[in-house]
Amino acid sequence: MGFLYFILALLLISLFFRLFFKYILPFILLRYIKKKQNQQDQYNNAQKEGEIKIENKSDKKAHLDPEVGEYVDFEDVDDDK
């Protein structure tokens, strides 16, 4: 009797996986793909094709810390004797 329950359980599990992968999983994946496509379309529609957008950085100049010191540009010197 236990063997029959085991076979029945295997058949039901097999049927569940077949139905899941044939009908439910494609439905979920299509919804996900459509959602991502809509997000991409909204992003692309925010800026029209050929439109140029210039973003200026703040007008603040680089702040130098007076404690750091002054920048010195060193040059290589050849000591040919």
PDB file of N, CA and C in Angstrom:
ATOM      1  N   MET A   1       0.815  -1.177   0.000  1.00  0.00           N
ATOM      2  CA  MET A   1       0.000   0.000   0.000  1.00  0.00           C
ATOM      3  C   MET A   1       0.871   1.258   0.000  1.00  0.00           C
ATOM      4  N   GLY A   2       1.968   1.215   0.723  1.00  0.00           N
ATOM      5  CA  GLY A   2       2.885   2.352   0.782  1.00  0.00           C
ATOM      6  C   GLY A   2       3.499   2.638  -0.577  1.00  0.00           C
ATOM      7  N   PHE A   3       3.728   1.569  -1.345  1.00  0.00           N
ATOM      8  CA  PHE A   3       4.305   1.720  -2.679  1.00  0.00           C
ATOM      9  C   PHE A   3       3.349   2.489  -3.591  1.00  0.00           C
ATOM     10  N   LEU A   4       2.048   2.210  -3.480  1.00  0.00           N
ATOM     11  CA  LEU A   4       1.061   2.900  -4.309  1.00  0.00           C
ATOM     12  C   LEU A   4       0.991   4.393  -3.958  1.00  0.00           C
ATOM     13  N   TYR A   5       1.074   4.718  -2.668  1.00  0.00           N
ATOM     14  CA  TYR A   5       1.096   6.121  -2.255  1.00  0.00           C
ATOM     15  C   TYR A   5       2.339   6.825  -2.803  1.00  0.00           C
ATOM     16  N   PHE A   6       3.448   6.123  -2.797  1.00  0.00           N
ATOM     17  CA  PHE A   6       4.690   6.679  -3.310  1.00  0.00           C
ATOM     18  C   PHE A   6       4.565   6.971  -4.807  1.00  0.00           C
ATOM     19  N   ILE A   7       4.044   6.042  -5.574  1.00  0.00           N
ATOM     20  CA  ILE A   7       3.847   6.231  -7.010  1.00  0.00           C
ATOM     21  C   ILE A   7       2.854   7.376  -7.261  1.00  0.00           C
ATOM     22  N   LEU A   8       1.772   7.427  -6.513  1.00  0.00           N
ATOM     23  CA  LEU A   8       0.777   8.490  -6.659  1.00  0.00           C
ATOM     24  C   LEU A   8       1.391   9.857  -6.342  1.00  0.00           C
ATOM     25  N   ALA A   9       2.208   9.904  -5.291  1.00  0.00           N
ATOM     26  CA  ALA A   9       2.865  11.163  -4.922  1.00  0.00           C
ATOM     27  C   ALA A   9       3.813  11.608  -6.032  1.00  0.00           C
ATOM     28  N   LEU A  10       4.572  10.685  -6.611  1.00  0.00           N
ATOM     29  CA  LEU A  10       5.479  11.022  -7.706  1.00  0.00           C
ATOM     30  C   LEU A  10       4.707  11.547  -8.916  1.00  0.00           C
ATOM     31  N   LEU A  11       3.592  10.927  -9.228  1.00  0.00           N
ATOM     32  CA  LEU A  11       2.789  11.376 -10.360  1.00  0.00           C
ATOM     33  C   LEU A  11       2.214  12.781 -10.116  1.00  0.00           C
ATOM     34  N   LEU A  12       1.745  13.022  -8.906  1.00  0.00           N
ATOM     35  CA  LEU A  12       1.198  14.340  -8.594  1.00  0.00           C
ATOM     36  C   LEU A  12       2.285  15.425  -8.613  1.00  0.00           C
ATOM     37  N   ILE A  13       3.437  15.106  -8.088  1.00  0.00           N
ATOM     38  CA  ILE A  13       4.543  16.060  -8.102  1.00  0.00           C
ATOM     39  C   ILE A  13       4.975  16.329  -9.539  1.00  0.00           C
ATOM     40  N   SER A  14       5.064  15.291 -10.332  1.00  0.00           N
ATOM     41  CA  SER A  14       5.427  15.438 -11.738  1.00  0.00           C
ATOM     42  C   SER A  14       4.400  16.292 -12.475  1.00  0.00           C
ATOM     43  N   LEU A  15       3.124  16.055 -12.243  1.00  0.00           N
ATOM     44  CA  LEU A  15       2.061  16.836 -12.875  1.00  0.00           C
ATOM     45  C   LEU A  15       2.127  18.298 -12.446  1.00  0.00           C
ATOM     46  N   PHE A  16       2.387  18.527 -11.163  1.00  0.00           N
ATOM     47  CA  PHE A  16       2.507  19.898 -10.660  1.00  0.00           C
ATOM     48  C   PHE A  16       3.633  20.642 -11.358  1.00  0.00           C
ATOM     49  N   PHE A  17       4.816  20.030 -11.457  1.00  0.00           N
ATOM     50  CA  PHE A  17       5.951  20.691 -12.093  1.00  0.00           C
ATOM     51  C   PHE A  17       5.702  20.932 -13.580  1.00  0.00           C
ATOM     52  N   ARG A  18       5.077  19.988 -14.244  1.00  0.00           N
ATOM     53  CA  ARG A  18       4.770  20.178 -15.660  1.00  0.00           C
ATOM     54  C   ARG A  18       3.842  21.374 -15.857  1.00  0.00           C
ATOM     55  N   LEU A  19       2.777  21.443 -15.054  1.00  0.00           N
ATOM     56  CA  LEU A  19       1.847  22.553 -15.176  1.00  0.00           C
ATOM     57  C   LEU A  19       2.495  23.878 -14.788  1.00  0.00           C
ATOM     58  N   PHE A  20       3.308  23.842 -13.753  1.00  0.00           N
ATOM     59  CA  PHE A  20       3.980  25.059 -13.299  1.00  0.00           C
ATOM     60  C   PHE A  20       4.883  25.616 -14.390  1.00  0.00           C
ATOM     61  N   PHE A  21       5.734  24.771 -14.959  1.00  0.00           N
ATOM     62  CA  PHE A  21       6.688  25.238 -15.954  1.00  0.00           C
ATOM     63  C   PHE A  21       6.034  25.516 -17.306  1.00  0.00           C
ATOM     64  N   LYS A  22       4.888  24.945 -17.560  1.00  0.00           N
ATOM     65  CA  LYS A  22       4.239  25.154 -18.846  1.00  0.00           C
ATOM     66  C   LYS A  22       3.326  26.374 -18.841  1.00  0.00           C
ATOM     67  N   TYR A  23       2.645  26.658 -17.736  1.00  0.00           N
ATOM     68  CA  TYR A  23       1.656  27.732 -17.719  1.00  0.00           C
ATOM     69  C   TYR A  23       1.984  28.866 -16.746  1.00  0.00           C
ATOM     70  N   ILE A  24       2.351  28.533 -15.532  1.00  0.00           N
ATOM     71  CA  ILE A  24       2.505  29.557 -14.500  1.00  0.00           C
ATOM     72  C   ILE A  24       3.807  30.335 -14.656  1.00  0.00           C
ATOM     73  N   LEU A  25       4.925  29.661 -14.845  1.00  0.00           N
ATOM     74  CA  LEU A  25       6.211  30.335 -14.961  1.00  0.00           C
ATOM     75  C   LEU A  25       6.261  31.273 -16.168  1.00  0.00           C
ATOM     76  N   PRO A  26       5.814  30.862 -17.362  1.00  0.00           N
ATOM     77  CA  PRO A  26       5.804  31.817 -18.487  1.00  0.00           C
ATOM     78  C   PRO A  26       4.932  33.044 -18.212  1.00  0.00           C
ATOM     79  N   PHE A  27       3.812  32.854 -17.537  1.00  0.00           N
ATOM     80  CA  PHE A  27       2.947  33.977 -17.197  1.00  0.00           C
ATOM     81  C   PHE A  27       3.674  34.961 -16.285  1.00  0.00           C
ATOM     82  N   ILE A  28       4.375  34.449 -15.286  1.00  0.00           N
ATOM     83  CA  ILE A  28       5.115  35.305 -14.354  1.00  0.00           C
ATOM     84  C   ILE A  28       6.244  36.027 -15.077  1.00  0.00           C
ATOM     85  N   LEU A  29       6.967  35.320 -15.932  1.00  0.00           N
ATOM     86  CA  LEU A  29       8.079  35.933 -16.655  1.00  0.00           C
ATOM     87  C   LEU A  29       7.585  37.010 -17.630  1.00  0.00           C
ATOM     88  N   LEU A  30       6.478  36.778 -18.305  1.00  0.00           N
ATOM     89  CA  LEU A  30       5.944  37.785 -19.217  1.00  0.00           C
ATOM     90  C   LEU A  30       5.526  39.048 -18.469  1.00  0.00           C
ATOM     91  N   ARG A  31       4.907  38.894 -17.321  1.00  0.00           N
ATOM     92  CA  ARG A  31       4.544  40.067 -16.513  1.00  0.00           C
ATOM     93  C   ARG A  31       5.780  40.843 -16.101  1.00  0.00           C
ATOM     94  N   TYR A  32       6.831  40.130 -15.694  1.00  0.00           N
ATOM     95  CA  TYR A  32       8.074  40.772 -15.274  1.00  0.00           C
ATOM     96  C   TYR A  32       8.715  41.519 -16.452  1.00  0.00           C
ATOM     97  N   ILE A  33       8.742  40.887 -17.615  1.00  0.00           N
ATOM     98  CA  ILE A  33       9.345  41.509 -18.792  1.00  0.00           C
ATOM     99  C   ILE A  33       8.562  42.747 -19.206  1.00  0.00           C
ATOM    100  N   LYS A  34       7.232  42.678 -19.202  1.00  0.00           N
ATOM    101  CA  LYS A  34       6.418  43.842 -19.560  1.00  0.00           C
ATOM    102  C   LYS A  34       6.631  44.985 -18.575  1.00  0.00           C
ATOM    103  N   LYS A  35       6.755  44.658 -17.305  1.00  0.00           N
ATOM    104  CA  LYS A  35       6.987  45.681 -16.290  1.00  0.00           C
ATOM    105  C   LYS A  35       8.315  46.387 -16.539  1.00  0.00           C
ATOM    106  N   LYS A  36       9.355  45.623 -16.818  1.00  0.00           N
ATOM    107  CA  LYS A  36      10.673  46.208 -17.079  1.00  0.00           C
ATOM    108  C   LYS A  36      10.670  47.016 -18.370  1.00  0.00           C
ATOM    109  N   GLN A  37       9.954  46.563 -19.400  1.00  0.00           N
ATOM    110  CA  GLN A  37       9.860  47.317 -20.639  1.00  0.00           C
ATOM    111  C   GLN A  37       9.159  48.647 -20.418  1.00  0.00           C
ATOM    112  N   ASN A  38       8.099  48.649 -19.624  1.00  0.00           N
ATOM    113  CA  ASN A  38       7.406  49.895 -19.315  1.00  0.00           C
ATOM    114  C   ASN A  38       8.304  50.868 -18.554  1.00  0.00           C
ATOM    115  N   GLN A  39       9.096  50.346 -17.637  1.00  0.00           N
ATOM    116  CA  GLN A  39      10.024  51.201 -16.901  1.00  0.00           C
ATOM    117  C   GLN A  39      11.052  51.802 -17.850  1.00  0.00           C
ATOM    118  N   GLN A  40      11.553  51.007 -18.783  1.00  0.00           N
ATOM    119  CA  GLN A  40      12.544  51.481 -19.747  1.00  0.00           C
ATOM    120  C   GLN A  40      11.922  52.516 -20.679  1.00  0.00           C
ATOM    121  N   ASP A  41      10.679  52.295 -21.104  1.00  0.00           N
ATOM    122  CA  ASP A  41       9.989  53.243 -21.974  1.00  0.00           C
ATOM    123  C   ASP A  41       9.778  54.580 -21.264  1.00  0.00           C
ATOM    124  N   GLN A  42       9.424  54.533 -19.991  1.00  0.00           N
ATOM    125  CA  GLN A  42       9.240  55.769 -19.232  1.00  0.00           C
ATOM    126  C   GLN A  42      10.559  56.520 -19.110  1.00  0.00           C
ATOM    127  N   TYR A  43      11.635  55.790 -18.920  1.00  0.00           N
ATOM    128  CA  TYR A  43      12.953  56.418 -18.818  1.00  0.00           C
ATOM    129  C   TYR A  43      13.338  57.054 -20.152  1.00  0.00           C
ATOM    130  N   ASN A  44      13.080  56.351 -21.254  1.00  0.00           N
ATOM    131  CA  ASN A  44      13.429  56.867 -22.572  1.00  0.00           C
ATOM    132  C   ASN A  44      12.549  58.042 -22.973  1.00  0.00           C
ATOM    133  N   ASN A  45      11.295  58.056 -22.556  1.00  0.00           N
ATOM    134  CA  ASN A  45      10.392  59.139 -22.900  1.00  0.00           C
ATOM    135  C   ASN A  45      10.676  60.403 -22.095  1.00  0.00           C
ATOM    136  N   ALA A  46      11.369  60.278 -20.990  1.00  0.00           N
ATOM    137  CA  ALA A  46      11.681  61.437 -20.174  1.00  0.00           C
ATOM    138  C   ALA A  46      12.578  62.400 -20.953  1.00  0.00           C
ATOM    139  N   GLN A  47      13.444  61.884 -21.782  1.00  0.00           N
ATOM    140  CA  GLN A  47      14.320  62.709 -22.597  1.00  0.00           C
ATOM    141  C   GLN A  47      14.092  62.325 -24.049  1.00  0.00           C
ATOM    142  N   LYS A  48      13.635  63.276 -24.853  1.00  0.00           N
ATOM    143  CA  LYS A  48      13.320  62.998 -26.242  1.00  0.00           C
ATOM    144  C   LYS A  48      14.602  62.779 -27.043  1.00  0.00           C
ATOM    145  N   GLU A  49      14.474  62.076 -28.147  1.00  0.00           N
ATOM    146  CA  GLU A  49      15.622  61.778 -28.984  1.00  0.00           C
ATOM    147  C   GLU A  49      16.168  63.066 -29.586  1.00  0.00           C
ATOM    148  N   GLY A  50      17.465  63.241 -29.500  1.00  0.00           N
ATOM    149  CA  GLY A  50      18.107  64.429 -30.043  1.00  0.00           C
ATOM    150  C   GLY A  50      18.160  65.586 -29.067  1.00  0.00           C
ATOM    151  N   GLU A  51      17.484  65.479 -27.965  1.00  0.00           N
ATOM    152  CA  GLU A  51      17.480  66.546 -26.973  1.00  0.00           C
ATOM    153  C   GLU A  51      18.774  66.482 -26.171  1.00  0.00           C
ATOM    154  N   ILE A  52      19.349  67.636 -25.935  1.00  0.00           N
ATOM    155  CA  ILE A  52      20.604  67.698 -25.196  1.00  0.00           C
ATOM    156  C   ILE A  52      20.323  68.275 -23.822  1.00  0.00           C
ATOM    157  N   LYS A  53      20.822  67.634 -22.837  1.00  0.00           N
ATOM    158  CA  LYS A  53      20.630  68.078 -21.470  1.00  0.00           C
ATOM    159  C   LYS A  53      21.993  68.354 -20.860  1.00  0.00           C
ATOM    160  N   ILE A  54      22.201  69.578 -20.393  1.00  0.00           N
ATOM    161  CA  ILE A  54      23.473  69.957 -19.796  1.00  0.00           C
ATOM    162  C   ILE A  54      23.248  70.175 -18.316  1.00  0.00           C
ATOM    163  N   GLU A  55      24.001  69.472 -17.531  1.00  0.00           N
ATOM    164  CA  GLU A  55      23.915  69.618 -16.084  1.00  0.00           C
ATOM    165  C   GLU A  55      25.187  70.299 -15.600  1.00  0.00           C
ATOM    166  N   ASN A  56      25.054  71.482 -15.061  1.00  0.00           N
ATOM    167  CA  ASN A  56      26.198  72.208 -14.545  1.00  0.00           C
ATOM    168  C   ASN A  56      26.453  71.794 -13.110  1.00  0.00           C
ATOM    169  N   LYS A  57      27.708  71.673 -12.807  1.00  0.00           N
ATOM    170  CA  LYS A  57      28.053  71.414 -11.421  1.00  0.00           C
ATOM    171  C   LYS A  57      27.954  72.718 -10.658  1.00  0.00           C
ATOM    172  N   SER A  58      27.973  72.638  -9.379  1.00  0.00           N
ATOM    173  CA  SER A  58      27.826  73.846  -8.573  1.00  0.00           C
ATOM    174  C   SER A  58      28.966  74.815  -8.875  1.00  0.00           C
ATOM    175  N   ASP A  59      28.696  76.095  -8.673  1.00  0.00           N
ATOM    176  CA  ASP A  59      29.675  77.134  -8.977  1.00  0.00           C
ATOM    177  C   ASP A  59      30.769  77.244  -7.920  1.00  0.00           C
ATOM    178  N   LYS A  60      30.706  76.429  -6.930  1.00  0.00           N
ATOM    179  CA  LYS A  60      31.704  76.494  -5.874  1.00  0.00           C
ATOM    180  C   LYS A  60      33.054  76.030  -6.412  1.00  0.00           C
ATOM    181  N   LYS A  61      34.066  76.797  -6.143  1.00  0.00           N
ATOM    182  CA  LYS A  61      35.423  76.428  -6.552  1.00  0.00           C
ATOM    183  C   LYS A  61      35.968  75.446  -5.526  1.00  0.00           C
ATOM    184  N   ALA A  62      36.972  74.711  -5.944  1.00  0.00           N
ATOM    185  CA  ALA A  62      37.572  73.741  -5.041  1.00  0.00           C
ATOM    186  C   ALA A  62      38.161  74.467  -3.836  1.00  0.00           C
ATOM    187  N   HIS A  63      37.813  74.014  -2.694  1.00  0.00           N
ATOM    188  CA  HIS A  63      38.275  74.640  -1.460  1.00  0.00           C
ATOM    189  C   HIS A  63      39.583  73.977  -1.040  1.00  0.00           C
ATOM    190  N   LEU A  64      40.634  74.803  -0.918  1.00  0.00           N
ATOM    191  CA  LEU A  64      41.914  74.290  -0.468  1.00  0.00           C
ATOM    192  C   LEU A  64      42.051  74.534   1.022  1.00  0.00           C
ATOM    193  N   ASP A  65      42.469  73.521   1.703  1.00  0.00           N
ATOM    194  CA  ASP A  65      42.654  73.631   3.137  1.00  0.00           C
ATOM    195  C   ASP A  65      43.975  74.347   3.401  1.00  0.00           C
ATOM    196  N   PRO A  66      43.958  75.439   4.131  1.00  0.00           N
ATOM    197  CA  PRO A  66      45.209  76.182   4.365  1.00  0.00           C
ATOM    198  C   PRO A  66      46.225  75.388   5.184  1.00  0.00           C
ATOM    199  N   GLU A  67      45.800  74.400   5.907  1.00  0.00           N
ATOM    200  CA  GLU A  67      46.725  73.605   6.710  1.00  0.00           C
ATOM    201  C   GLU A  67      47.491  72.600   5.858  1.00  0.00           C
ATOM    202  N   VAL A  68      46.992  72.300   4.673  1.00  0.00           N
ATOM    203  CA  VAL A  68      47.625  71.298   3.835  1.00  0.00           C
ATOM    204  C   VAL A  68      48.921  71.823   3.249  1.00  0.00           C
ATOM    205  N   GLY A  69      48.941  73.053   2.838  1.00  0.00           N
ATOM    206  CA  GLY A  69      50.155  73.626   2.293  1.00  0.00           C
ATOM    207  C   GLY A  69      49.995  73.953   0.829  1.00  0.00           C
ATOM    208  N   GLU A  70      51.105  74.360   0.233  1.00  0.00           N
ATOM    209  CA  GLU A  70      51.094  74.812  -1.148  1.00  0.00           C
ATOM    210  C   GLU A  70      51.591  73.696  -2.050  1.00  0.00           C
ATOM    211  N   TYR A  71      51.035  73.639  -3.255  1.00  0.00           N
ATOM    212  CA  TYR A  71      51.446  72.633  -4.218  1.00  0.00           C
ATOM    213  C   TYR A  71      52.726  73.093  -4.889  1.00  0.00           C
ATOM    214  N   VAL A  72      53.706  72.193  -4.943  1.00  0.00           N
ATOM    215  CA  VAL A  72      54.985  72.501  -5.580  1.00  0.00           C
ATOM    216  C   VAL A  72      55.210  71.480  -6.671  1.00  0.00           C
ATOM    217  N   ASP A  73      55.514  71.978  -7.883  1.00  0.00           N
ATOM    218  CA  ASP A  73      55.769  71.103  -9.009  1.00  0.00           C
ATOM    219  C   ASP A  73      57.273  70.889  -9.114  1.00  0.00           C
ATOM    220  N   PHE A  74      57.700  69.673  -8.860  1.00  0.00           N
ATOM    221  CA  PHE A  74      59.118  69.361  -8.910  1.00  0.00           C
ATOM    222  C   PHE A  74      59.501  68.905 -10.304  1.00  0.00           C
ATOM    223  N   GLU A  75      60.736  69.230 -10.698  1.00  0.00           N
ATOM    224  CA  GLU A  75      61.251  68.787 -11.983  1.00  0.00           C
ATOM    225  C   GLU A  75      62.466  67.909 -11.731  1.00  0.00           C
ATOM    226  N   ASP A  76      62.670  66.946 -12.611  1.00  0.00           N
ATOM    227  CA  ASP A  76      63.843  66.084 -12.508  1.00  0.00           C
ATOM    228  C   ASP A  76      65.074  66.861 -12.954  1.00  0.00           C
ATOM    229  N   VAL A  77      66.146  66.720 -12.197  1.00  0.00           N
ATOM    230  CA  VAL A  77      67.409  67.398 -12.523  1.00  0.00           C
ATOM    231  C   VAL A  77      68.441  66.316 -12.778  1.00  0.00           C
ATOM    232  N   ASP A  78      69.116  66.430 -13.925  1.00  0.00           N
ATOM    233  CA  ASP A  78      70.180  65.476 -14.247  1.00  0.00           C
ATOM    234  C   ASP A  78      71.479  65.973 -13.607  1.00  0.00           C
ATOM    235  N   ASP A  79      72.121  65.090 -12.880  1.00  0.00           N
ATOM    236  CA  ASP A  79      73.397  65.435 -12.244  1.00  0.00           C
ATOM    237  C   ASP A  79      74.520  64.799 -13.043  1.00  0.00           C
ATOM    238  N   ASP A  80      74.805  65.346 -14.217  1.00  0.00           N
ATOM    239  CA  ASP A  80      75.914  64.844 -15.042  1.00  0.00           C
ATOM    240  C   ASP A  80      77.184  65.562 -14.647  1.00  0.00           C
ATOM    241  N   LYS A  81      78.179  64.806 -14.191  1.00  0.00           N
ATOM    242  CA  LYS A  81      79.425  65.436 -13.754  1.00  0.00           C
ATOM    243  C   LYS A  81      80.536  65.006 -14.649  1.00  0.00           C
TER     244      LYS A  81
END
